[in-house]
Structure formats: structure tokens, C-alpha cells
Amino acid sequence: MQYNASMENWLDISTFLLFVLQKAYWLISEKRADREKPRVRKRPPLFNKARIIEYGVWCVLLLLFVQLILHVSILPMGSYSLMPQIGFLLVVLGLGLGLMARRQLAENWAHSWEYQVKQKQELVTTGIYSLIRHPIYASFAFASIGAELVAKSWLVVLFFGLFWTSYRQAKKEEILLEGHFGAAYKMYMNHTKMFIPFLW
């Protein structure tokens, strides 16, 4: 029993730290990306509705802090012995996928809510992008679902909704990218899936 409690505590802390490290990497790499390939438009003001996705990411971090570090149970599932371990694997898989995708995009990355093609932006179609077009969205959805499993919360059901939100966001981006890259992007879309290789 003591082992289970200490193991779950370790999983809680590790899960939250992985999300914090991912966010820190995003903030640091964003500065380099903007230096190498500047934005074509300025960032929207702080209270612009376009930034709602960015606020959503911070809200997820806050929610995870409350659940995993402060140990406040929100819609608890009950005790399922393997649920936190399965969740942690999803977190590692999701955040690892996101890191890989972010590194492959390099300076071509821009905030999804900015809806812009940066100066000198290139179409990345190699690595994970040769299989799926939106690995960063998929990674955040998988990692968030995993984190809620670690927290043993029924909020996990709501986080499946991230795929719907991501789908809508991705479709808007694809219109923008097809308008910029033309036939090359259309051909790329015909040979890849959106979120899950070979499936969807």
C-alpha cells in the first residue's frame, strides 16, 4: 500500500514536471523561431479572442497543478491500479511526439492562433510530418488525456474533446497553408492523415 502511494505520488509530480518542461521549451524555442523567421503580423493583444487557445494551455497547466501537486480530486474515478501508469505512458508518448514535431518544424513554427505564414516559411513534410499533418495537436490531446488518467479523474472524458477542438483549428490552418503553398500542400494532404498515422 505504501509502495502504491509513493509510486502514484512520483507519477503525479513527474507528470506535472513534464508539462512544465514542455511549456518552458516552447517559450524558449519561440524566441529563436521568431528571430530566424519573423512573424508577418504582430501578436494579437492580450485580451484578443484569437488567443483563447493559448489561455487554454495555461488553464490545463493550472488544472494539473491543482490535481497532481495539491492533490485536489476533481470528479474522482475511484481506485484503478494501472490507470496512472497507463496515463503516464500516454503523457510521455504525447509530450515526446510534440517535442519531436516542434524540433522538426524548427523556425517554421508559429502559434496556431496567429493564423499566419511566417517570412521564409518552408513546408515541412519529413519525419513525423510524413505521416501526420498535425502532430503537435495530437500530442497535446494524448498528453492531456494521459494526465487526467494519472489524476484518476473523469475529466478525462472532457479532454477527448480536444480532438474536436484540434480538428476545427487544424482545418482553419490547412486553408491558410493551402492558400500559401498551393498544389504542394494539397498533394501533401492527400498522402497524410491529420492526427493518427494511417487512421485519421
Protein backbone atom coordinates (compact mmCIF):
# COMPACT_ATOMS: atom_id res chain seq x y z
CA MET A 1 0.00 0.00 0.00
CA GLN A 2 2.86 2.34 0.90
CA TYR A 3 4.57 1.44 -2.39
CA ASN A 4 1.42 2.28 -4.38
CA ALA A 5 1.04 5.64 -2.63
CA SER A 6 4.67 6.63 -3.20
CA MET A 7 4.57 5.39 -6.81
CA GLU A 8 1.42 7.41 -7.53
CA ASN A 9 2.97 10.47 -5.88
CA TRP A 10 6.05 10.07 -8.10
CA LEU A 11 3.81 9.76 -11.18
CA ASP A 12 1.86 12.88 -10.17
CA ILE A 13 4.97 15.02 -9.72
CA SER A 14 6.70 13.64 -12.84
CA THR A 15 3.62 14.25 -14.99
CA PHE A 16 3.32 17.87 -13.88
CA LEU A 17 7.06 18.50 -14.32
CA LEU A 18 6.99 17.08 -17.85
CA PHE A 19 4.22 19.53 -18.79
CA VAL A 20 6.17 22.43 -17.23
CA LEU A 21 9.36 21.45 -19.08
CA GLN A 22 7.44 21.19 -22.34
CA LYS A 23 5.96 24.67 -21.84
CA ALA A 24 9.40 26.09 -20.98
CA TYR A 25 10.88 24.57 -24.15
CA TRP A 26 8.04 26.07 -26.20
CA LEU A 27 8.64 29.57 -24.77
CA ILE A 28 12.42 29.43 -25.29
CA SER A 29 12.26 27.98 -28.81
CA GLU A 30 9.59 30.50 -29.81
CA LYS A 31 12.07 33.36 -29.41
CA ARG A 32 14.61 31.63 -31.65
CA ALA A 33 11.96 30.80 -34.27
CA ASP A 34 10.80 34.42 -34.40
CA ARG A 35 14.38 35.66 -34.68
CA GLU A 36 15.21 33.34 -37.60
CA LYS A 37 11.86 33.65 -39.40
CA PRO A 38 9.97 36.73 -38.21
CA ARG A 39 6.19 36.93 -37.99
CA VAL A 40 4.40 38.75 -40.76
CA ARG A 41 1.93 40.19 -38.23
CA LYS A 42 2.30 41.32 -34.65
CA ARG A 43 0.95 39.19 -31.82
CA PRO A 44 -2.69 39.95 -31.04
CA PRO A 45 -3.36 41.98 -27.89
CA LEU A 46 -3.57 40.12 -24.58
CA PHE A 47 -7.38 40.12 -24.46
CA ASN A 48 -7.95 39.22 -28.11
CA LYS A 49 -10.27 36.23 -28.59
CA ALA A 50 -7.74 34.71 -31.01
CA ARG A 51 -5.55 33.90 -28.01
CA ILE A 52 -8.12 31.64 -26.36
CA ILE A 53 -6.08 28.54 -27.30
CA GLU A 54 -3.02 29.94 -25.55
CA TYR A 55 -5.09 30.59 -22.42
CA GLY A 56 -6.45 27.07 -22.65
CA VAL A 57 -2.93 25.63 -22.42
CA TRP A 58 -2.23 27.70 -19.29
CA CYS A 59 -5.58 26.57 -17.82
CA VAL A 60 -4.61 22.93 -18.37
CA LEU A 61 -1.33 23.56 -16.53
CA LEU A 62 -3.19 25.18 -13.64
CA LEU A 63 -5.68 22.32 -13.52
CA LEU A 64 -2.86 19.77 -13.44
CA PHE A 65 -1.14 21.70 -10.64
CA VAL A 66 -4.33 21.60 -8.57
CA GLN A 67 -4.90 17.91 -9.23
CA LEU A 68 -1.37 16.47 -9.22
CA ILE A 69 0.55 18.72 -6.84
CA LEU A 70 -2.14 19.99 -4.45
CA HIS A 71 -3.94 16.59 -4.67
CA VAL A 72 -7.40 18.09 -5.08
CA SER A 73 -9.65 15.37 -6.53
CA ILE A 74 -11.95 16.59 -9.28
CA LEU A 75 -14.56 14.04 -10.39
CA PRO A 76 -12.51 11.12 -8.99
CA MET A 77 -12.74 7.79 -10.79
CA GLY A 78 -12.02 5.58 -7.84
CA SER A 79 -9.06 3.29 -7.43
CA TYR A 80 -7.83 1.59 -10.58
CA SER A 81 -4.38 0.16 -10.07
CA LEU A 82 -2.98 0.50 -13.60
CA MET A 83 -4.77 3.72 -14.62
CA PRO A 84 -2.00 6.14 -13.50
CA GLN A 85 0.72 4.06 -15.18
CA ILE A 86 -1.22 3.90 -18.46
CA GLY A 87 -1.84 7.63 -18.19
CA PHE A 88 1.83 8.37 -17.59
CA LEU A 89 2.78 6.38 -20.69
CA LEU A 90 0.32 8.49 -22.70
CA VAL A 91 1.87 11.65 -21.23
CA VAL A 92 5.39 10.55 -22.19
CA LEU A 93 4.23 9.45 -25.65
CA GLY A 94 2.24 12.64 -26.22
CA LEU A 95 4.84 15.12 -24.99
CA GLY A 96 7.62 13.17 -26.74
CA LEU A 97 5.69 13.36 -30.01
CA GLY A 98 5.15 17.08 -29.51
CA LEU A 99 8.83 17.71 -28.81
CA MET A 100 9.86 15.74 -31.89
CA ALA A 101 7.36 17.63 -34.06
CA ARG A 102 8.36 21.01 -32.65
CA ARG A 103 12.05 20.31 -33.31
CA GLN A 104 11.29 19.22 -36.88
CA LEU A 105 9.32 22.40 -37.55
CA ALA A 106 12.19 24.45 -36.10
CA GLU A 107 11.90 28.11 -37.16
CA ASN A 108 8.83 27.39 -39.29
CA TRP A 109 6.67 27.12 -36.17
CA ALA A 110 4.17 29.83 -35.23
CA HIS A 111 1.33 29.95 -32.71
CA SER A 112 -1.75 28.23 -34.11
CA TRP A 113 -4.00 31.10 -33.07
CA GLU A 114 -1.97 33.63 -35.08
CA TYR A 115 -3.10 32.24 -38.45
CA GLN A 116 -0.07 33.36 -40.36
CA VAL A 117 2.64 32.03 -42.61
CA LYS A 118 5.95 33.41 -41.39
CA GLN A 119 8.58 35.08 -43.52
CA LYS A 120 10.61 32.47 -45.45
CA GLN A 121 8.43 29.67 -44.03
CA GLU A 122 9.01 26.25 -45.57
CA LEU A 123 6.60 23.32 -45.86
CA VAL A 124 7.88 20.55 -43.58
CA THR A 125 6.91 17.09 -44.84
CA THR A 126 9.62 14.86 -43.35
CA GLY A 127 9.95 12.94 -40.09
CA ILE A 128 6.68 12.66 -38.19
CA TYR A 129 5.19 15.15 -40.67
CA SER A 130 5.49 12.49 -43.39
CA LEU A 131 2.79 10.53 -41.51
CA ILE A 132 0.52 13.14 -39.92
CA ARG A 133 -0.05 16.82 -40.58
CA HIS A 134 -0.79 17.98 -37.03
CA PRO A 135 1.37 16.04 -34.57
CA ILE A 136 1.53 18.90 -32.05
CA TYR A 137 -2.25 18.97 -31.68
CA ALA A 138 -2.34 15.18 -31.37
CA SER A 139 0.47 15.25 -28.81
CA PHE A 140 -1.28 17.75 -26.56
CA ALA A 141 -4.55 15.80 -26.69
CA PHE A 142 -2.85 12.48 -25.85
CA ALA A 143 -0.74 14.01 -23.08
CA SER A 144 -3.74 15.79 -21.52
CA ILE A 145 -5.83 12.62 -21.60
CA GLY A 146 -2.91 10.77 -20.01
CA ALA A 147 -2.52 13.40 -17.30
CA GLU A 148 -6.19 13.06 -16.33
CA LEU A 149 -5.73 9.29 -16.12
CA VAL A 150 -2.75 9.88 -13.81
CA ALA A 151 -5.02 12.13 -11.72
CA LYS A 152 -7.73 9.41 -11.87
CA SER A 153 -10.32 11.97 -12.87
CA TRP A 154 -13.44 11.63 -15.03
CA LEU A 155 -12.37 14.94 -16.58
CA VAL A 156 -10.55 12.63 -18.99
CA VAL A 157 -13.86 12.38 -20.90
CA LEU A 158 -13.86 16.14 -21.49
CA PHE A 159 -10.26 16.03 -22.70
CA PHE A 160 -11.25 13.70 -25.51
CA GLY A 161 -12.99 16.83 -26.79
CA LEU A 162 -9.52 18.25 -27.52
CA PHE A 163 -9.53 16.19 -30.70
CA TRP A 164 -12.67 18.02 -31.88
CA THR A 165 -11.18 21.42 -30.98
CA SER A 166 -7.92 20.43 -32.66
CA TYR A 167 -9.77 19.24 -35.74
CA ARG A 168 -11.53 22.59 -36.17
CA GLN A 169 -8.30 24.52 -35.60
CA ALA A 170 -6.36 22.29 -37.97
CA LYS A 171 -8.92 22.77 -40.75
CA LYS A 172 -8.56 26.56 -40.49
CA GLU A 173 -4.78 26.25 -40.67
CA GLU A 174 -4.97 23.96 -43.67
CA ILE A 175 -6.98 26.56 -45.61
CA LEU A 176 -4.24 29.10 -44.83
CA LEU A 177 -1.40 26.72 -45.75
CA GLU A 178 -3.06 25.55 -48.94
CA GLY A 179 -3.53 29.19 -49.93
CA HIS A 180 0.19 29.82 -49.42
CA PHE A 181 1.81 26.58 -50.63
CA GLY A 182 -0.81 25.73 -53.27
CA ALA A 183 -0.64 22.36 -55.03
CA ALA A 184 2.30 21.21 -52.89
CA TYR A 185 0.18 21.37 -49.75
CA LYS A 186 -2.82 19.75 -51.46
CA MET A 187 -0.61 16.85 -52.53
CA TYR A 188 0.81 16.62 -49.00
CA MET A 189 -2.73 16.43 -47.59
CA ASN A 190 -3.59 13.59 -49.97
CA HIS A 191 -0.68 11.49 -48.68
CA THR A 192 -1.03 12.05 -44.92
CA LYS A 193 -3.54 11.75 -42.08
CA MET A 194 -4.38 14.55 -39.65
CA PHE A 195 -3.64 13.12 -36.19
CA ILE A 196 -3.08 9.35 -36.15
CA PRO A 197 -0.85 7.65 -38.75
CA PHE A 198 -2.77 5.52 -41.28
CA LEU A 199 -6.08 6.04 -39.42
CA TRP A 200 -7.23 9.65 -39.04
